[in-house]
Amino acid sequence: MRAVTTAMWRPAAWFLVLVALVSLACAGATRDPDRATTPASRSPSLAAPSVAHTITTDSLADLLARGPALVVDVRTDVGTYLRAHVPGAVYLNSEALRASAAGVPNLALPADSYRSLLGRLGVRADRPVVVYSSGEARNIDATFLAWVLAGFGHPAVYVLDGGYAKWEAEGRATTREYPRIDTVPFRAPSFALERATLQQVRASLGARDDGGGGRGAGGSAAGVLLLVDARVPEQYAGEAGAQIRRGHIPGAVNHYWAGDLTKGEGGFGLVWKSRDSLRASYAAQGITPDRDIVVYCNGGLESSHVYFTLRALLGYPRVRVYDGSWTEWAAHEELPMETGQR
């Protein structure tokens, strides 16, 4: 897949673009689902939530050559950033995006905390944001930030397919210099994070027990969520894990997040599989677009990757992340759990 990028919005052009969009809609124009929405094809206003997209290394190079864009490096080790990074990239450790709340160590932050942090990074509504992680073993840090930005309705958020590993392997420009960031207040009026809570997940189990439908990939009655566990199969089965209890939420379907990735061209960097392959893989497990889906893992990172695949790449309309995930659920001894594979 090759993402398409365009020049930045100019306020004077907003009216003309809106007229063009209305004309396209009237003509019945359709959008190729395998092509990323470009900054120039979306409104620069913030309307939460929005949907992020992937961007290729070629398209990122084109975007950087065209004009202002914010690139965020979220590799877990700041030392890798210090040794080399994409020119202009600002660093953010993904753990800054989570904190303890009511004792649970890994919950999403309040909106104002995110606004302050994003403002320090230089996030603006009128500039695209490209996020990358290592690409060698994980993209989950990048998808978590993309999930947060989508919650604010940012109109142009991209995750670099293949991450830094692919960028570097292709011999593209890198630097050790720190960027000059124009820090401005991030004034997003609303925050609609596509997030589920423990109470909502527990209520769904109650609806299922009351005869509201089948478990996991079965029935889809009102009030019944389809739970997707994004962890490795060993943790799902209860054979591994650092949490207070081992196992999974009853009825959850195990779809390991890394199974959505494959080696990039030349064997460098992990990229998403084709849309057709992803769609078939999820459908085979009963994870279909008609369901109300909640994805969980241990603490929100892995589940954000499955969320991104379903929401951004496959266009599923109802997907949320349970950020408390198994870390929170396992600590409540009164809540049910299951072990073994389904």
C-alpha atoms as a PDB file:
ATOM      1  CA  MET A   1       0.000   0.000   0.000  1.00  0.00           C
ATOM      2  CA  ARG A   2       1.212   3.459  -0.838  1.00  0.00           C
ATOM      3  CA  ALA A   3      -0.129   6.405   1.094  1.00  0.00           C
ATOM      4  CA  VAL A   4      -0.721   9.653  -0.760  1.00  0.00           C
ATOM      5  CA  THR A   5       0.360  12.980   0.670  1.00  0.00           C
ATOM      6  CA  THR A   6      -0.410  16.493  -0.483  1.00  0.00           C
ATOM      7  CA  ALA A   7       0.434  20.061   0.338  1.00  0.00           C
ATOM      8  CA  MET A   8      -0.749  21.571   3.582  1.00  0.00           C
ATOM      9  CA  TRP A   9      -4.029  23.377   4.013  1.00  0.00           C
ATOM     10  CA  ARG A  10      -4.157  27.123   3.530  1.00  0.00           C
ATOM     11  CA  PRO A  11      -7.053  28.952   5.200  1.00  0.00           C
ATOM     12  CA  ALA A  12      -7.874  30.825   2.012  1.00  0.00           C
ATOM     13  CA  ALA A  13      -8.449  27.536   0.228  1.00  0.00           C
ATOM     14  CA  TRP A  14     -10.865  25.994   2.702  1.00  0.00           C
ATOM     15  CA  PHE A  15     -14.019  27.214   0.928  1.00  0.00           C
ATOM     16  CA  LEU A  16     -12.892  25.964  -2.488  1.00  0.00           C
ATOM     17  CA  VAL A  17     -11.997  22.576  -1.095  1.00  0.00           C
ATOM     18  CA  LEU A  18     -15.331  22.254   0.671  1.00  0.00           C
ATOM     19  CA  VAL A  19     -17.112  23.045  -2.594  1.00  0.00           C
ATOM     20  CA  ALA A  20     -15.034  20.371  -4.319  1.00  0.00           C
ATOM     21  CA  LEU A  21     -15.856  17.798  -1.653  1.00  0.00           C
ATOM     22  CA  VAL A  22     -19.578  18.501  -1.977  1.00  0.00           C
ATOM     23  CA  SER A  23     -19.311  18.108  -5.752  1.00  0.00           C
ATOM     24  CA  LEU A  24     -17.550  14.766  -5.372  1.00  0.00           C
ATOM     25  CA  ALA A  25     -20.180  13.524  -2.960  1.00  0.00           C
ATOM     26  CA  CYS A  26     -22.968  14.477  -5.336  1.00  0.00           C
ATOM     27  CA  ALA A  27     -21.171  12.664  -8.148  1.00  0.00           C
ATOM     28  CA  GLY A  28     -21.038   9.512  -6.050  1.00  0.00           C
ATOM     29  CA  ALA A  29     -17.264   9.501  -5.727  1.00  0.00           C
ATOM     30  CA  THR A  30     -15.758   6.656  -3.702  1.00  0.00           C
ATOM     31  CA  ARG A  31     -12.548   6.368  -1.724  1.00  0.00           C
ATOM     32  CA  ASP A  32     -10.040   3.601  -2.376  1.00  0.00           C
ATOM     33  CA  PRO A  33      -9.798   1.846   1.009  1.00  0.00           C
ATOM     34  CA  ASP A  34      -6.157   0.927   0.366  1.00  0.00           C
ATOM     35  CA  ARG A  35      -5.050   4.543  -0.009  1.00  0.00           C
ATOM     36  CA  ALA A  36      -4.501   6.805   2.991  1.00  0.00           C
ATOM     37  CA  THR A  37      -6.573   9.952   3.290  1.00  0.00           C
ATOM     38  CA  THR A  38      -4.366  12.934   2.554  1.00  0.00           C
ATOM     39  CA  PRO A  39      -4.095  16.103   4.628  1.00  0.00           C
ATOM     40  CA  ALA A  40      -5.640  18.120   1.803  1.00  0.00           C
ATOM     41  CA  SER A  41      -8.703  15.894   1.568  1.00  0.00           C
ATOM     42  CA  ARG A  42      -9.827  16.419   5.153  1.00  0.00           C
ATOM     43  CA  SER A  43     -11.021  19.405   7.095  1.00  0.00           C
ATOM     44  CA  PRO A  44      -8.342  21.002   9.325  1.00  0.00           C
ATOM     45  CA  SER A  45     -10.897  21.522  12.069  1.00  0.00           C
ATOM     46  CA  LEU A  46     -10.909  19.180  15.042  1.00  0.00           C
ATOM     47  CA  ALA A  47     -13.952  16.909  15.130  1.00  0.00           C
ATOM     48  CA  ALA A  48     -13.528  13.984  17.502  1.00  0.00           C
ATOM     49  CA  PRO A  49     -13.066  11.169  16.915  1.00  0.00           C
ATOM     50  CA  SER A  50     -11.169  10.911  13.643  1.00  0.00           C
ATOM     51  CA  VAL A  51      -9.475   7.958  11.944  1.00  0.00           C
ATOM     52  CA  ALA A  52      -5.709   7.628  11.480  1.00  0.00           C
ATOM     53  CA  HIS A  53      -3.944   6.019   8.511  1.00  0.00           C
ATOM     54  CA  THR A  54      -0.649   4.459   7.510  1.00  0.00           C
ATOM     55  CA  ILE A  55       2.005   6.195   5.442  1.00  0.00           C
ATOM     56  CA  THR A  56       4.822   4.606   3.450  1.00  0.00           C
ATOM     57  CA  THR A  57       8.474   5.605   3.690  1.00  0.00           C
ATOM     58  CA  ASP A  58       8.277   7.036   0.160  1.00  0.00           C
ATOM     59  CA  SER A  59       5.289   9.175   1.057  1.00  0.00           C
ATOM     60  CA  LEU A  60       6.881  10.392   4.285  1.00  0.00           C
ATOM     61  CA  ALA A  61       9.970  11.506   2.350  1.00  0.00           C
ATOM     62  CA  ASP A  62       7.701  13.377  -0.083  1.00  0.00           C
ATOM     63  CA  LEU A  63       5.759  14.955   2.766  1.00  0.00           C
ATOM     64  CA  LEU A  64       8.897  16.218   4.502  1.00  0.00           C
ATOM     65  CA  ALA A  65      10.138  17.705   1.229  1.00  0.00           C
ATOM     66  CA  ARG A  66       6.873  19.574   0.669  1.00  0.00           C
ATOM     67  CA  GLY A  67       6.563  21.551   3.875  1.00  0.00           C
ATOM     68  CA  PRO A  68       5.745  21.608   7.582  1.00  0.00           C
ATOM     69  CA  ALA A  69       4.850  18.312   9.209  1.00  0.00           C
ATOM     70  CA  LEU A  70       5.363  16.999  12.701  1.00  0.00           C
ATOM     71  CA  VAL A  71       7.162  13.676  13.046  1.00  0.00           C
ATOM     72  CA  VAL A  72       7.080  11.919  16.435  1.00  0.00           C
ATOM     73  CA  ASP A  73       9.586   9.214  17.382  1.00  0.00           C
ATOM     74  CA  VAL A  74       8.073   6.919  20.023  1.00  0.00           C
ATOM     75  CA  ARG A  75      10.747   4.231  20.206  1.00  0.00           C
ATOM     76  CA  THR A  76      10.923   2.949  23.763  1.00  0.00           C
ATOM     77  CA  ASP A  77      14.645   3.646  24.272  1.00  0.00           C
ATOM     78  CA  VAL A  78      15.574   7.324  24.075  1.00  0.00           C
ATOM     79  CA  GLY A  79      19.132   6.203  23.305  1.00  0.00           C
ATOM     80  CA  THR A  80      18.024   5.030  19.877  1.00  0.00           C
ATOM     81  CA  TYR A  81      16.664   8.511  19.211  1.00  0.00           C
ATOM     82  CA  LEU A  82      19.918  10.111  20.349  1.00  0.00           C
ATOM     83  CA  ARG A  83      21.942   7.905  18.018  1.00  0.00           C
ATOM     84  CA  ALA A  84      19.822   8.740  14.954  1.00  0.00           C
ATOM     85  CA  HIS A  85      16.272   9.663  14.000  1.00  0.00           C
ATOM     86  CA  VAL A  86      14.205  10.936  11.094  1.00  0.00           C
ATOM     87  CA  PRO A  87      15.100  14.599  10.429  1.00  0.00           C
ATOM     88  CA  GLY A  88      12.815  16.911  12.365  1.00  0.00           C
ATOM     89  CA  ALA A  89      11.430  14.167  14.595  1.00  0.00           C
ATOM     90  CA  VAL A  90      10.602  15.043  18.193  1.00  0.00           C
ATOM     91  CA  TYR A  91      10.925  12.335  20.827  1.00  0.00           C
ATOM     92  CA  LEU A  92       8.165  11.000  23.053  1.00  0.00           C
ATOM     93  CA  ASN A  93       8.295   7.943  25.282  1.00  0.00           C
ATOM     94  CA  SER A  94       4.954   6.173  25.017  1.00  0.00           C
ATOM     95  CA  GLU A  95       4.859   5.635  28.783  1.00  0.00           C
ATOM     96  CA  ALA A  96       4.233   9.376  29.095  1.00  0.00           C
ATOM     97  CA  LEU A  97       0.806   8.635  27.587  1.00  0.00           C
ATOM     98  CA  ARG A  98      -0.303   6.402  30.490  1.00  0.00           C
ATOM     99  CA  ALA A  99      -0.356   6.791  34.255  1.00  0.00           C
ATOM    100  CA  SER A 100      -1.891   5.422  37.426  1.00  0.00           C
ATOM    101  CA  ALA A 101      -5.500   6.209  38.216  1.00  0.00           C
ATOM    102  CA  ALA A 102      -7.302   4.753  41.232  1.00  0.00           C
ATOM    103  CA  GLY A 103      -4.283   2.500  41.657  1.00  0.00           C
ATOM    104  CA  VAL A 104      -4.440   0.988  38.154  1.00  0.00           C
ATOM    105  CA  PRO A 105      -0.962   1.661  36.704  1.00  0.00           C
ATOM    106  CA  ASN A 106      -1.656   1.965  32.987  1.00  0.00           C
ATOM    107  CA  LEU A 107      -4.745   4.065  32.262  1.00  0.00           C
ATOM    108  CA  ALA A 108      -5.167   6.777  29.668  1.00  0.00           C
ATOM    109  CA  LEU A 109      -4.629  10.346  30.882  1.00  0.00           C
ATOM    110  CA  PRO A 110      -7.282  13.063  31.243  1.00  0.00           C
ATOM    111  CA  ALA A 111      -7.832  15.271  28.214  1.00  0.00           C
ATOM    112  CA  ASP A 112      -6.104  18.320  29.727  1.00  0.00           C
ATOM    113  CA  SER A 113      -2.966  16.288  30.446  1.00  0.00           C
ATOM    114  CA  TYR A 114      -2.846  15.201  26.819  1.00  0.00           C
ATOM    115  CA  ARG A 115      -3.449  18.750  25.618  1.00  0.00           C
ATOM    116  CA  SER A 116      -0.467  19.985  27.623  1.00  0.00           C
ATOM    117  CA  LEU A 117       1.787  17.182  26.404  1.00  0.00           C
ATOM    118  CA  LEU A 118       0.765  17.474  22.754  1.00  0.00           C
ATOM    119  CA  GLY A 119       1.262  21.236  22.869  1.00  0.00           C
ATOM    120  CA  ARG A 120       4.837  20.741  24.095  1.00  0.00           C
ATOM    121  CA  LEU A 121       5.457  18.449  21.140  1.00  0.00           C
ATOM    122  CA  GLY A 122       4.186  21.066  18.712  1.00  0.00           C
ATOM    123  CA  VAL A 123       1.029  19.265  17.617  1.00  0.00           C
ATOM    124  CA  ARG A 124      -1.251  21.521  15.577  1.00  0.00           C
ATOM    125  CA  ALA A 125      -4.490  20.841  13.768  1.00  0.00           C
ATOM    126  CA  ASP A 126      -3.215  22.337  10.508  1.00  0.00           C
ATOM    127  CA  ARG A 127      -0.143  20.093  10.210  1.00  0.00           C
ATOM    128  CA  PRO A 128      -0.048  16.351   9.634  1.00  0.00           C
ATOM    129  CA  VAL A 129       1.418  14.204  12.392  1.00  0.00           C
ATOM    130  CA  VAL A 130       3.474  11.142  11.468  1.00  0.00           C
ATOM    131  CA  VAL A 131       4.297   8.714  14.266  1.00  0.00           C
ATOM    132  CA  TYR A 132       6.881   5.964  14.088  1.00  0.00           C
ATOM    133  CA  SER A 133       8.258   3.302  16.401  1.00  0.00           C
ATOM    134  CA  SER A 134      11.086   0.844  15.888  1.00  0.00           C
ATOM    135  CA  GLY A 135       9.355  -1.261  13.236  1.00  0.00           C
ATOM    136  CA  GLU A 136      11.619  -4.184  14.116  1.00  0.00           C
ATOM    137  CA  ALA A 137       9.581  -5.778  16.869  1.00  0.00           C
ATOM    138  CA  ARG A 138       6.688  -3.443  17.628  1.00  0.00           C
ATOM    139  CA  ASN A 139       4.450  -0.712  16.307  1.00  0.00           C
ATOM    140  CA  ILE A 140       2.289  -0.594  19.399  1.00  0.00           C
ATOM    141  CA  ASP A 141       3.761   2.644  20.745  1.00  0.00           C
ATOM    142  CA  ALA A 142       2.911   4.434  17.499  1.00  0.00           C
ATOM    143  CA  THR A 143      -0.634   3.100  17.332  1.00  0.00           C
ATOM    144  CA  PHE A 144      -1.298   4.130  20.932  1.00  0.00           C
ATOM    145  CA  LEU A 145      -0.388   7.755  20.190  1.00  0.00           C
ATOM    146  CA  ALA A 146      -2.437   7.594  16.980  1.00  0.00           C
ATOM    147  CA  TRP A 147      -5.401   6.394  19.074  1.00  0.00           C
ATOM    148  CA  VAL A 148      -5.028   9.383  21.418  1.00  0.00           C
ATOM    149  CA  LEU A 149      -4.714  11.888  18.555  1.00  0.00           C
ATOM    150  CA  ALA A 150      -7.772  10.408  16.864  1.00  0.00           C
ATOM    151  CA  GLY A 151      -9.633  10.964  20.114  1.00  0.00           C
ATOM    152  CA  PHE A 152      -9.043  14.683  19.695  1.00  0.00           C
ATOM    153  CA  GLY A 153     -10.213  14.524  16.088  1.00  0.00           C
ATOM    154  CA  HIS A 154      -6.877  15.473  14.542  1.00  0.00           C
ATOM    155  CA  PRO A 155      -7.546  15.391  10.783  1.00  0.00           C
ATOM    156  CA  ALA A 156      -4.211  14.020   9.565  1.00  0.00           C
ATOM    157  CA  VAL A 157      -2.547  11.357  11.704  1.00  0.00           C
ATOM    158  CA  TYR A 158      -0.298   8.718  10.154  1.00  0.00           C
ATOM    159  CA  VAL A 159       1.640   5.708  11.402  1.00  0.00           C
ATOM    160  CA  LEU A 160       4.810   4.937   9.442  1.00  0.00           C
ATOM    161  CA  ASP A 161       4.442   1.457   7.973  1.00  0.00           C
ATOM    162  CA  GLY A 162       7.644  -0.431   8.691  1.00  0.00           C
ATOM    163  CA  GLY A 163       8.769   2.106  11.271  1.00  0.00           C
ATOM    164  CA  TYR A 164      12.284   3.418  11.705  1.00  0.00           C
ATOM    165  CA  ALA A 165      13.827   0.060  10.760  1.00  0.00           C
ATOM    166  CA  LYS A 166      12.475   0.289   7.216  1.00  0.00           C
ATOM    167  CA  TRP A 167      13.347   3.975   6.915  1.00  0.00           C
ATOM    168  CA  GLU A 168      16.947   3.350   7.953  1.00  0.00           C
ATOM    169  CA  ALA A 169      17.368   0.169   5.896  1.00  0.00           C
ATOM    170  CA  GLU A 170      16.377   2.058   2.758  1.00  0.00           C
ATOM    171  CA  GLY A 171      19.255   4.487   3.309  1.00  0.00           C
ATOM    172  CA  ARG A 172      17.050   7.486   3.900  1.00  0.00           C
ATOM    173  CA  ALA A 173      18.210  10.640   5.667  1.00  0.00           C
ATOM    174  CA  THR A 174      18.741  10.541   9.422  1.00  0.00           C
ATOM    175  CA  THR A 175      20.158  13.017  11.895  1.00  0.00           C
ATOM    176  CA  ARG A 176      21.275  13.407  15.494  1.00  0.00           C
ATOM    177  CA  GLU A 177      20.153  17.033  15.684  1.00  0.00           C
ATOM    178  CA  TYR A 178      17.207  18.031  17.865  1.00  0.00           C
ATOM    179  CA  PRO A 179      14.349  19.784  16.063  1.00  0.00           C
ATOM    180  CA  ARG A 180      13.246  23.334  16.708  1.00  0.00           C
ATOM    181  CA  ILE A 181       9.667  23.013  17.876  1.00  0.00           C
ATOM    182  CA  ASP A 182       7.100  25.789  17.878  1.00  0.00           C
ATOM    183  CA  THR A 183       5.232  24.983  21.061  1.00  0.00           C
ATOM    184  CA  VAL A 184       1.706  26.315  20.911  1.00  0.00           C
ATOM    185  CA  PRO A 185      -1.334  25.483  23.029  1.00  0.00           C
ATOM    186  CA  PHE A 186      -3.137  22.479  21.618  1.00  0.00           C
ATOM    187  CA  ARG A 187      -6.692  23.769  21.612  1.00  0.00           C
ATOM    188  CA  ALA A 188      -8.859  20.758  20.919  1.00  0.00           C
ATOM    189  CA  PRO A 189     -12.393  21.537  22.133  1.00  0.00           C
ATOM    190  CA  SER A 190     -13.498  17.932  22.548  1.00  0.00           C
ATOM    191  CA  PHE A 191     -11.964  14.589  23.428  1.00  0.00           C
ATOM    192  CA  ALA A 192     -13.870  11.477  22.355  1.00  0.00           C
ATOM    193  CA  LEU A 193     -11.382   8.688  22.931  1.00  0.00           C
ATOM    194  CA  GLU A 194     -12.780   5.418  21.601  1.00  0.00           C
ATOM    195  CA  ARG A 195     -12.297   3.739  24.951  1.00  0.00           C
ATOM    196  CA  ALA A 196     -14.129   1.154  27.029  1.00  0.00           C
ATOM    197  CA  THR A 197     -14.145   0.899  30.805  1.00  0.00           C
ATOM    198  CA  LEU A 198     -14.199  -2.020  33.223  1.00  0.00           C
ATOM    199  CA  GLN A 199     -17.820  -1.211  34.058  1.00  0.00           C
ATOM    200  CA  GLN A 200     -18.859  -1.420  30.404  1.00  0.00           C
ATOM    201  CA  VAL A 201     -17.091  -4.729  29.855  1.00  0.00           C
ATOM    202  CA  ARG A 202     -18.567  -6.169  33.045  1.00  0.00           C
ATOM    203  CA  ALA A 203     -22.048  -5.012  32.035  1.00  0.00           C
ATOM    204  CA  SER A 204     -21.631  -6.768  28.702  1.00  0.00           C
ATOM    205  CA  LEU A 205     -20.860 -10.043  30.469  1.00  0.00           C
ATOM    206  CA  GLY A 206     -24.036  -9.574  32.474  1.00  0.00           C
ATOM    207  CA  ALA A 207     -26.075  -9.047  29.314  1.00  0.00           C
ATOM    208  CA  ARG A 208     -24.602 -12.222  27.863  1.00  0.00           C
ATOM    209  CA  ASP A 209     -25.385 -14.214  31.000  1.00  0.00           C
ATOM    210  CA  ASP A 210     -28.985 -12.951  30.854  1.00  0.00           C
ATOM    211  CA  GLY A 211     -29.437 -14.587  27.468  1.00  0.00           C
ATOM    212  CA  GLY A 212     -28.343 -11.651  25.327  1.00  0.00           C
ATOM    213  CA  GLY A 213     -26.469 -13.786  22.847  1.00  0.00           C
ATOM    214  CA  GLY A 214     -23.628 -16.200  22.356  1.00  0.00           C
ATOM    215  CA  ARG A 215     -20.123 -15.829  23.639  1.00  0.00           C
ATOM    216  CA  GLY A 216     -17.100 -14.473  21.780  1.00  0.00           C
ATOM    217  CA  ALA A 217     -17.722 -14.875  18.072  1.00  0.00           C
ATOM    218  CA  GLY A 218     -21.309 -15.961  18.714  1.00  0.00           C
ATOM    219  CA  GLY A 219     -24.483 -13.829  18.927  1.00  0.00           C
ATOM    220  CA  SER A 220     -24.544 -10.076  18.536  1.00  0.00           C
ATOM    221  CA  ALA A 221     -27.529  -9.028  20.613  1.00  0.00           C
ATOM    222  CA  ALA A 222     -27.839  -5.502  21.954  1.00  0.00           C
ATOM    223  CA  GLY A 223     -25.532  -4.791  24.860  1.00  0.00           C
ATOM    224  CA  VAL A 224     -23.195  -7.698  24.125  1.00  0.00           C
ATOM    225  CA  LEU A 225     -19.649  -6.712  23.229  1.00  0.00           C
ATOM    226  CA  LEU A 226     -17.274  -8.793  21.165  1.00  0.00           C
ATOM    227  CA  LEU A 227     -14.115  -8.927  23.272  1.00  0.00           C
ATOM    228  CA  VAL A 228     -10.815  -9.352  21.435  1.00  0.00           C
ATOM    229  CA  ASP A 229      -7.693 -10.251  23.432  1.00  0.00           C
ATOM    230  CA  ALA A 230      -4.605  -8.954  21.605  1.00  0.00           C
ATOM    231  CA  ARG A 231      -2.002 -10.697  23.769  1.00  0.00           C
ATOM    232  CA  VAL A 232       0.250 -13.628  22.956  1.00  0.00           C
ATOM    233  CA  PRO A 233      -1.597 -16.975  23.094  1.00  0.00           C
ATOM    234  CA  GLU A 234       0.322 -18.069  26.210  1.00  0.00           C
ATOM    235  CA  GLN A 235      -0.983 -15.119  28.215  1.00  0.00           C
ATOM    236  CA  TYR A 236      -4.495 -15.593  26.895  1.00  0.00           C
ATOM    237  CA  ALA A 237      -4.410 -19.256  27.946  1.00  0.00           C
ATOM    238  CA  GLY A 238      -3.186 -18.371  31.426  1.00  0.00           C
ATOM    239  CA  GLU A 239       0.229 -19.955  30.979  1.00  0.00           C
ATOM    240  CA  ALA A 240       2.200 -16.707  31.338  1.00  0.00           C
ATOM    241  CA  GLY A 241       1.870 -13.119  32.507  1.00  0.00           C
ATOM    242  CA  ALA A 242       2.915 -10.785  35.304  1.00  0.00           C
ATOM    243  CA  GLN A 243      -0.589  -9.751  36.363  1.00  0.00           C
ATOM    244  CA  ILE A 244      -2.233 -10.775  39.663  1.00  0.00           C
ATOM    245  CA  ARG A 245      -4.176 -13.546  37.906  1.00  0.00           C
ATOM    246  CA  ARG A 246      -3.526 -15.364  34.652  1.00  0.00           C
ATOM    247  CA  GLY A 247      -6.129 -16.031  32.000  1.00  0.00           C
ATOM    248  CA  HIS A 248      -8.595 -14.010  29.942  1.00  0.00           C
ATOM    249  CA  ILE A 249     -11.986 -12.339  30.183  1.00  0.00           C
ATOM    250  CA  PRO A 250     -14.755 -14.924  29.589  1.00  0.00           C
ATOM    251  CA  GLY A 251     -15.801 -15.190  25.948  1.00  0.00           C
ATOM    252  CA  ALA A 252     -12.877 -13.187  24.565  1.00  0.00           C
ATOM    253  CA  VAL A 253     -11.424 -14.140  21.188  1.00  0.00           C
ATOM    254  CA  ASN A 254      -7.619 -14.257  21.010  1.00  0.00           C
ATOM    255  CA  HIS A 255      -6.153 -12.346  18.064  1.00  0.00           C
ATOM    256  CA  TYR A 256      -2.452 -11.732  18.630  1.00  0.00           C
ATOM    257  CA  TRP A 257      -1.615  -8.216  17.466  1.00  0.00           C
ATOM    258  CA  ALA A 258       1.722  -9.123  15.820  1.00  0.00           C
ATOM    259  CA  GLY A 259      -0.054 -11.605  13.585  1.00  0.00           C
ATOM    260  CA  ASP A 260      -1.237  -8.646  11.509  1.00  0.00           C
ATOM    261  CA  LEU A 261       2.341  -7.851  10.444  1.00  0.00           C
ATOM    262  CA  THR A 262       4.822  -9.305   7.998  1.00  0.00           C
ATOM    263  CA  LYS A 263       8.371  -8.502   6.912  1.00  0.00           C
ATOM    264  CA  GLY A 264       8.672  -5.580   4.527  1.00  0.00           C
ATOM    265  CA  GLU A 265      10.263  -5.703   1.112  1.00  0.00           C
ATOM    266  CA  GLY A 266      13.849  -6.873   1.470  1.00  0.00           C
ATOM    267  CA  GLY A 267      13.074  -8.237   4.928  1.00  0.00           C
ATOM    268  CA  PHE A 268      13.413  -4.872   6.660  1.00  0.00           C
ATOM    269  CA  GLY A 269      10.811  -3.580   9.082  1.00  0.00           C
ATOM    270  CA  LEU A 270       7.447  -5.047   9.978  1.00  0.00           C
ATOM    271  CA  VAL A 271       4.605  -3.830   7.777  1.00  0.00           C
ATOM    272  CA  TRP A 272       0.903  -4.562   7.817  1.00  0.00           C
ATOM    273  CA  LYS A 273      -0.314  -7.464   5.730  1.00  0.00           C
ATOM    274  CA  SER A 274      -2.585  -6.794   2.764  1.00  0.00           C
ATOM    275  CA  ARG A 275      -6.115  -5.610   3.441  1.00  0.00           C
ATOM    276  CA  ASP A 276      -7.560  -8.805   1.987  1.00  0.00           C
ATOM    277  CA  SER A 277      -5.378 -10.974   4.208  1.00  0.00           C
ATOM    278  CA  LEU A 278      -6.252  -8.985   7.324  1.00  0.00           C
ATOM    279  CA  ARG A 279      -9.946  -8.978   6.549  1.00  0.00           C
ATOM    280  CA  ALA A 280     -10.006 -12.743   6.010  1.00  0.00           C
ATOM    281  CA  SER A 281      -8.030 -13.395   9.192  1.00  0.00           C
ATOM    282  CA  TYR A 282     -10.418 -11.413  11.379  1.00  0.00           C
ATOM    283  CA  ALA A 283     -13.545 -12.721   9.680  1.00  0.00           C
ATOM    284  CA  ALA A 284     -12.397 -16.308  10.266  1.00  0.00           C
ATOM    285  CA  GLN A 285     -12.592 -15.584  14.005  1.00  0.00           C
ATOM    286  CA  GLY A 286     -15.991 -13.941  13.800  1.00  0.00           C
ATOM    287  CA  ILE A 287     -14.498 -10.460  14.208  1.00  0.00           C
ATOM    288  CA  THR A 288     -16.670  -8.698  11.654  1.00  0.00           C
ATOM    289  CA  PRO A 289     -17.676  -5.067  10.980  1.00  0.00           C
ATOM    290  CA  ASP A 290     -21.234  -5.548  12.262  1.00  0.00           C
ATOM    291  CA  ARG A 291     -20.031  -6.196  15.830  1.00  0.00           C
ATOM    292  CA  ASP A 292     -19.467  -3.772  18.696  1.00  0.00           C
ATOM    293  CA  ILE A 293     -15.838  -4.603  19.424  1.00  0.00           C
ATOM    294  CA  VAL A 294     -13.700  -3.954  22.489  1.00  0.00           C
ATOM    295  CA  VAL A 295     -10.015  -4.853  22.307  1.00  0.00           C
ATOM    296  CA  TYR A 296      -7.884  -5.425  25.385  1.00  0.00           C
ATOM    297  CA  CYS A 297      -4.377  -6.664  26.207  1.00  0.00           C
ATOM    298  CA  ASN A 298      -2.322  -6.085  29.345  1.00  0.00           C
ATOM    299  CA  GLY A 299      -2.314  -2.299  29.359  1.00  0.00           C
ATOM    300  CA  GLY A 300      -3.649  -0.715  26.161  1.00  0.00           C
ATOM    301  CA  LEU A 301      -0.589  -0.759  23.915  1.00  0.00           C
ATOM    302  CA  GLU A 302      -1.086  -4.059  22.089  1.00  0.00           C
ATOM    303  CA  SER A 303      -4.831  -3.505  21.901  1.00  0.00           C
ATOM    304  CA  SER A 304      -4.269  -0.123  20.235  1.00  0.00           C
ATOM    305  CA  HIS A 305      -2.550  -2.003  17.405  1.00  0.00           C
ATOM    306  CA  VAL A 306      -5.558  -4.245  16.776  1.00  0.00           C
ATOM    307  CA  TYR A 307      -7.801  -1.180  17.140  1.00  0.00           C
ATOM    308  CA  PHE A 308      -5.737   0.594  14.465  1.00  0.00           C
ATOM    309  CA  THR A 309      -5.908  -2.390  12.114  1.00  0.00           C
ATOM    310  CA  LEU A 310      -9.669  -2.724  12.440  1.00  0.00           C
ATOM    311  CA  ARG A 311     -10.581   0.949  12.565  1.00  0.00           C
ATOM    312  CA  ALA A 312      -8.014   2.581  10.284  1.00  0.00           C
ATOM    313  CA  LEU A 313      -7.133  -0.118   7.790  1.00  0.00           C
ATOM    314  CA  LEU A 314     -10.327  -2.164   7.534  1.00  0.00           C
ATOM    315  CA  GLY A 315     -12.840   0.572   8.304  1.00  0.00           C
ATOM    316  CA  TYR A 316     -14.693  -1.161  11.131  1.00  0.00           C
ATOM    317  CA  PRO A 317     -17.130   1.410  12.571  1.00  0.00           C
ATOM    318  CA  ARG A 318     -17.380   0.356  16.236  1.00  0.00           C
ATOM    319  CA  VAL A 319     -14.056  -0.472  17.879  1.00  0.00           C
ATOM    320  CA  ARG A 320     -12.841   0.609  21.309  1.00  0.00           C
ATOM    321  CA  VAL A 321      -9.781   0.002  23.469  1.00  0.00           C
ATOM    322  CA  TYR A 322     -10.176  -1.190  27.051  1.00  0.00           C
ATOM    323  CA  ASP A 323      -7.058   0.514  28.363  1.00  0.00           C
ATOM    324  CA  GLY A 324      -7.286  -0.950  31.860  1.00  0.00           C
ATOM    325  CA  SER A 325      -7.158  -4.331  30.154  1.00  0.00           C
ATOM    326  CA  TRP A 326      -6.097  -7.509  31.916  1.00  0.00           C
ATOM    327  CA  THR A 327      -3.961  -5.568  34.411  1.00  0.00           C
ATOM    328  CA  GLU A 328      -7.104  -3.991  35.840  1.00  0.00           C
ATOM    329  CA  TRP A 329      -9.463  -6.920  35.358  1.00  0.00           C
ATOM    330  CA  ALA A 330      -7.133  -9.469  36.999  1.00  0.00           C
ATOM    331  CA  ALA A 331      -6.851  -7.360  40.149  1.00  0.00           C
ATOM    332  CA  HIS A 332     -10.574  -7.729  40.845  1.00  0.00           C
ATOM    333  CA  GLU A 333     -10.885 -11.172  42.370  1.00  0.00           C
ATOM    334  CA  GLU A 334     -14.677 -11.003  42.137  1.00  0.00           C
ATOM    335  CA  LEU A 335     -14.578 -10.781  38.331  1.00  0.00           C
ATOM    336  CA  PRO A 336     -14.758 -13.988  36.313  1.00  0.00           C
ATOM    337  CA  MET A 337     -11.940 -15.325  34.179  1.00  0.00           C
ATOM    338  CA  GLU A 338     -11.181 -18.270  31.930  1.00  0.00           C
ATOM    339  CA  THR A 339      -8.027 -20.186  31.035  1.00  0.00           C
ATOM    340  CA  GLY A 340      -7.017 -22.332  28.104  1.00  0.00           C
ATOM    341  CA  GLN A 341      -7.516 -21.840  24.376  1.00  0.00           C
ATOM    342  CA  ARG A 342     -10.942 -21.560  22.775  1.00  0.00           C
END
